[in-house]
Amino acid sequence: MSPDLVCSATGCRRTATRALLWNNPTLHTLERRKVWLACADHEQSLGEFLSLRSFLKDTIDVGELTDAHG
């Protein structure tokens, strides 16, 4: 795993293990996916934040990320 895959939670510097794919439909086309990375400790809180806004589209392992994910 690449050392630059760091959790997106504020202040966290842990290695990310999951990728949360999201989209804000008021700003992005329906096909567009933004990516937040999450360590095990922050996957749930980041996912809840995005879900409450109906932004979360999918969650995958960081090993599944491709250039197409952004």
N, C-alpha and C. Protein backbone atom coordinates (compact mmCIF):
# COMPACT_ATOMS: atom_id res chain seq x y z
N MET A 1 0.85 -1.18 0.00
CA MET A 1 0.00 0.00 0.00
C MET A 1 0.89 1.24 0.00
N SER A 2 0.49 2.21 -0.74
CA SER A 2 1.27 3.44 -0.87
C SER A 2 1.20 4.25 0.42
N PRO A 3 2.35 4.77 0.89
CA PRO A 3 2.36 5.54 2.14
C PRO A 3 1.62 6.87 2.04
N ASP A 4 1.32 7.34 0.83
CA ASP A 4 0.62 8.61 0.70
C ASP A 4 -0.90 8.46 0.78
N LEU A 5 -1.39 7.26 1.03
CA LEU A 5 -2.83 7.05 1.21
C LEU A 5 -3.16 7.25 2.68
N VAL A 6 -3.38 8.51 3.05
CA VAL A 6 -3.61 8.90 4.43
C VAL A 6 -5.09 9.19 4.64
N CYS A 7 -5.58 8.85 5.80
CA CYS A 7 -6.97 9.09 6.16
C CYS A 7 -7.34 10.56 5.96
N SER A 8 -8.54 10.79 5.44
CA SER A 8 -9.03 12.15 5.18
C SER A 8 -9.62 12.85 6.40
N ALA A 9 -9.77 12.14 7.52
CA ALA A 9 -10.32 12.76 8.72
C ALA A 9 -9.37 13.86 9.21
N THR A 10 -9.93 14.95 9.66
CA THR A 10 -9.15 16.09 10.13
C THR A 10 -8.15 15.66 11.19
N GLY A 11 -6.88 15.97 10.95
CA GLY A 11 -5.83 15.69 11.91
C GLY A 11 -5.32 14.27 11.94
N CYS A 12 -5.94 13.36 11.22
CA CYS A 12 -5.51 11.96 11.23
C CYS A 12 -4.40 11.76 10.21
N ARG A 13 -3.37 11.03 10.59
CA ARG A 13 -2.25 10.73 9.69
C ARG A 13 -2.09 9.23 9.49
N ARG A 14 -3.10 8.46 9.89
CA ARG A 14 -3.01 7.00 9.75
C ARG A 14 -3.16 6.59 8.29
N THR A 15 -2.66 5.41 7.99
CA THR A 15 -2.79 4.86 6.65
C THR A 15 -4.24 4.48 6.38
N ALA A 16 -4.73 4.89 5.23
CA ALA A 16 -6.11 4.59 4.85
C ALA A 16 -6.23 3.15 4.36
N THR A 17 -7.34 2.52 4.72
CA THR A 17 -7.61 1.16 4.26
C THR A 17 -8.86 1.10 3.39
N ARG A 18 -9.69 2.13 3.47
CA ARG A 18 -10.96 2.16 2.73
C ARG A 18 -11.07 3.48 1.98
N ALA A 19 -11.81 3.44 0.88
CA ALA A 19 -12.07 4.64 0.08
C ALA A 19 -13.58 4.85 0.02
N LEU A 20 -14.02 6.02 0.41
CA LEU A 20 -15.44 6.37 0.36
C LEU A 20 -15.66 7.20 -0.90
N LEU A 21 -16.47 6.69 -1.80
CA LEU A 21 -16.75 7.35 -3.06
C LEU A 21 -18.04 8.13 -2.91
N TRP A 22 -17.98 9.42 -3.22
CA TRP A 22 -19.14 10.26 -2.98
C TRP A 22 -19.32 11.25 -4.11
N ASN A 23 -20.47 11.93 -4.06
CA ASN A 23 -20.84 12.88 -5.09
C ASN A 23 -21.83 13.87 -4.49
N ASN A 24 -21.57 15.15 -4.69
CA ASN A 24 -22.53 16.18 -4.31
C ASN A 24 -23.28 16.57 -5.59
N PRO A 25 -24.52 16.13 -5.75
CA PRO A 25 -25.23 16.34 -7.01
C PRO A 25 -25.48 17.81 -7.36
N THR A 26 -25.36 18.70 -6.40
CA THR A 26 -25.53 20.12 -6.74
C THR A 26 -24.26 20.71 -7.35
N LEU A 27 -23.13 20.01 -7.19
CA LEU A 27 -21.85 20.49 -7.71
C LEU A 27 -21.25 19.61 -8.81
N HIS A 28 -21.57 18.32 -8.81
CA HIS A 28 -20.92 17.37 -9.69
C HIS A 28 -21.93 16.68 -10.61
N THR A 29 -21.44 16.21 -11.76
CA THR A 29 -22.29 15.40 -12.62
C THR A 29 -22.59 14.09 -11.91
N LEU A 30 -23.65 13.40 -12.30
CA LEU A 30 -24.05 12.17 -11.63
C LEU A 30 -22.97 11.08 -11.69
N GLU A 31 -22.16 11.08 -12.74
CA GLU A 31 -21.13 10.05 -12.90
C GLU A 31 -19.88 10.32 -12.07
N ARG A 32 -19.66 11.56 -11.71
CA ARG A 32 -18.44 11.97 -10.99
C ARG A 32 -18.39 11.35 -9.61
N ARG A 33 -17.22 10.88 -9.22
CA ARG A 33 -17.01 10.36 -7.88
C ARG A 33 -15.80 11.04 -7.26
N LYS A 34 -16.00 11.65 -6.11
CA LYS A 34 -14.92 12.19 -5.30
C LYS A 34 -14.51 11.08 -4.34
N VAL A 35 -13.31 11.16 -3.80
CA VAL A 35 -12.81 10.09 -2.93
C VAL A 35 -12.31 10.68 -1.61
N TRP A 36 -12.82 10.13 -0.53
CA TRP A 36 -12.25 10.36 0.79
C TRP A 36 -11.64 9.05 1.23
N LEU A 37 -10.45 9.12 1.81
CA LEU A 37 -9.80 7.92 2.32
C LEU A 37 -10.05 7.83 3.82
N ALA A 38 -10.14 6.60 4.30
CA ALA A 38 -10.45 6.40 5.72
C ALA A 38 -9.62 5.28 6.32
N CYS A 39 -9.13 5.52 7.54
CA CYS A 39 -8.50 4.46 8.33
C CYS A 39 -9.64 3.70 9.02
N ALA A 40 -9.32 2.62 9.68
CA ALA A 40 -10.33 1.82 10.36
C ALA A 40 -11.09 2.63 11.42
N ASP A 41 -10.41 3.55 12.08
CA ASP A 41 -11.04 4.34 13.14
C ASP A 41 -12.01 5.39 12.62
N HIS A 42 -11.87 5.83 11.37
CA HIS A 42 -12.69 6.93 10.86
C HIS A 42 -13.64 6.54 9.73
N GLU A 43 -13.62 5.30 9.29
CA GLU A 43 -14.51 4.90 8.19
C GLU A 43 -15.98 5.16 8.54
N GLN A 44 -16.39 4.80 9.73
CA GLN A 44 -17.78 4.97 10.12
C GLN A 44 -18.17 6.44 10.21
N SER A 45 -17.37 7.27 10.87
CA SER A 45 -17.75 8.67 11.05
C SER A 45 -17.75 9.43 9.72
N LEU A 46 -16.76 9.17 8.86
CA LEU A 46 -16.75 9.83 7.55
C LEU A 46 -17.94 9.35 6.71
N GLY A 47 -18.22 8.05 6.77
CA GLY A 47 -19.35 7.50 6.03
C GLY A 47 -20.68 8.07 6.50
N GLU A 48 -20.84 8.22 7.81
CA GLU A 48 -22.08 8.80 8.35
C GLU A 48 -22.24 10.25 7.91
N PHE A 49 -21.15 11.01 7.92
CA PHE A 49 -21.20 12.40 7.49
C PHE A 49 -21.71 12.49 6.05
N LEU A 50 -21.15 11.66 5.17
CA LEU A 50 -21.56 11.68 3.77
C LEU A 50 -22.97 11.12 3.58
N SER A 51 -23.32 10.09 4.32
CA SER A 51 -24.65 9.48 4.20
C SER A 51 -25.77 10.42 4.63
N LEU A 52 -25.53 11.17 5.70
CA LEU A 52 -26.54 12.12 6.18
C LEU A 52 -26.90 13.15 5.12
N ARG A 53 -25.97 13.42 4.23
CA ARG A 53 -26.18 14.40 3.15
C ARG A 53 -26.57 13.72 1.84
N SER A 54 -26.73 12.40 1.88
CA SER A 54 -27.02 11.58 0.69
C SER A 54 -25.93 11.70 -0.37
N PHE A 55 -24.68 11.86 0.06
CA PHE A 55 -23.55 11.97 -0.86
C PHE A 55 -22.83 10.64 -1.08
N LEU A 56 -22.84 9.74 -0.09
CA LEU A 56 -22.08 8.50 -0.18
C LEU A 56 -22.66 7.58 -1.24
N LYS A 57 -21.81 7.15 -2.16
CA LYS A 57 -22.24 6.27 -3.25
C LYS A 57 -21.72 4.85 -3.09
N ASP A 58 -20.49 4.70 -2.54
CA ASP A 58 -19.90 3.38 -2.41
C ASP A 58 -18.70 3.47 -1.48
N THR A 59 -18.32 2.33 -0.90
CA THR A 59 -17.12 2.22 -0.09
C THR A 59 -16.37 0.99 -0.58
N ILE A 60 -15.07 1.18 -0.87
CA ILE A 60 -14.26 0.09 -1.39
C ILE A 60 -12.92 0.05 -0.66
N ASP A 61 -12.20 -1.06 -0.79
CA ASP A 61 -10.84 -1.14 -0.26
C ASP A 61 -9.94 -0.23 -1.09
N VAL A 62 -8.94 0.38 -0.46
CA VAL A 62 -8.05 1.28 -1.20
C VAL A 62 -7.31 0.54 -2.31
N GLY A 63 -7.12 -0.75 -2.17
CA GLY A 63 -6.47 -1.55 -3.18
C GLY A 63 -7.27 -1.64 -4.49
N GLU A 64 -8.56 -1.33 -4.40
CA GLU A 64 -9.43 -1.36 -5.58
C GLU A 64 -9.46 -0.02 -6.32
N LEU A 65 -8.85 1.02 -5.75
CA LEU A 65 -8.85 2.33 -6.41
C LEU A 65 -8.08 2.28 -7.72
N THR A 66 -8.60 2.96 -8.70
CA THR A 66 -7.92 3.09 -9.99
C THR A 66 -7.83 4.57 -10.34
N ASP A 67 -7.13 4.88 -11.41
CA ASP A 67 -7.04 6.27 -11.87
C ASP A 67 -8.42 6.83 -12.18
N ALA A 68 -9.34 5.98 -12.57
CA ALA A 68 -10.69 6.42 -12.90
C ALA A 68 -11.43 6.99 -11.68
N HIS A 69 -11.00 6.61 -10.47
CA HIS A 69 -11.63 7.12 -9.25
C HIS A 69 -11.18 8.54 -8.90
N GLY A 70 -10.18 9.04 -9.56
CA GLY A 70 -9.73 10.41 -9.30
C GLY A 70 -8.57 10.51 -8.49
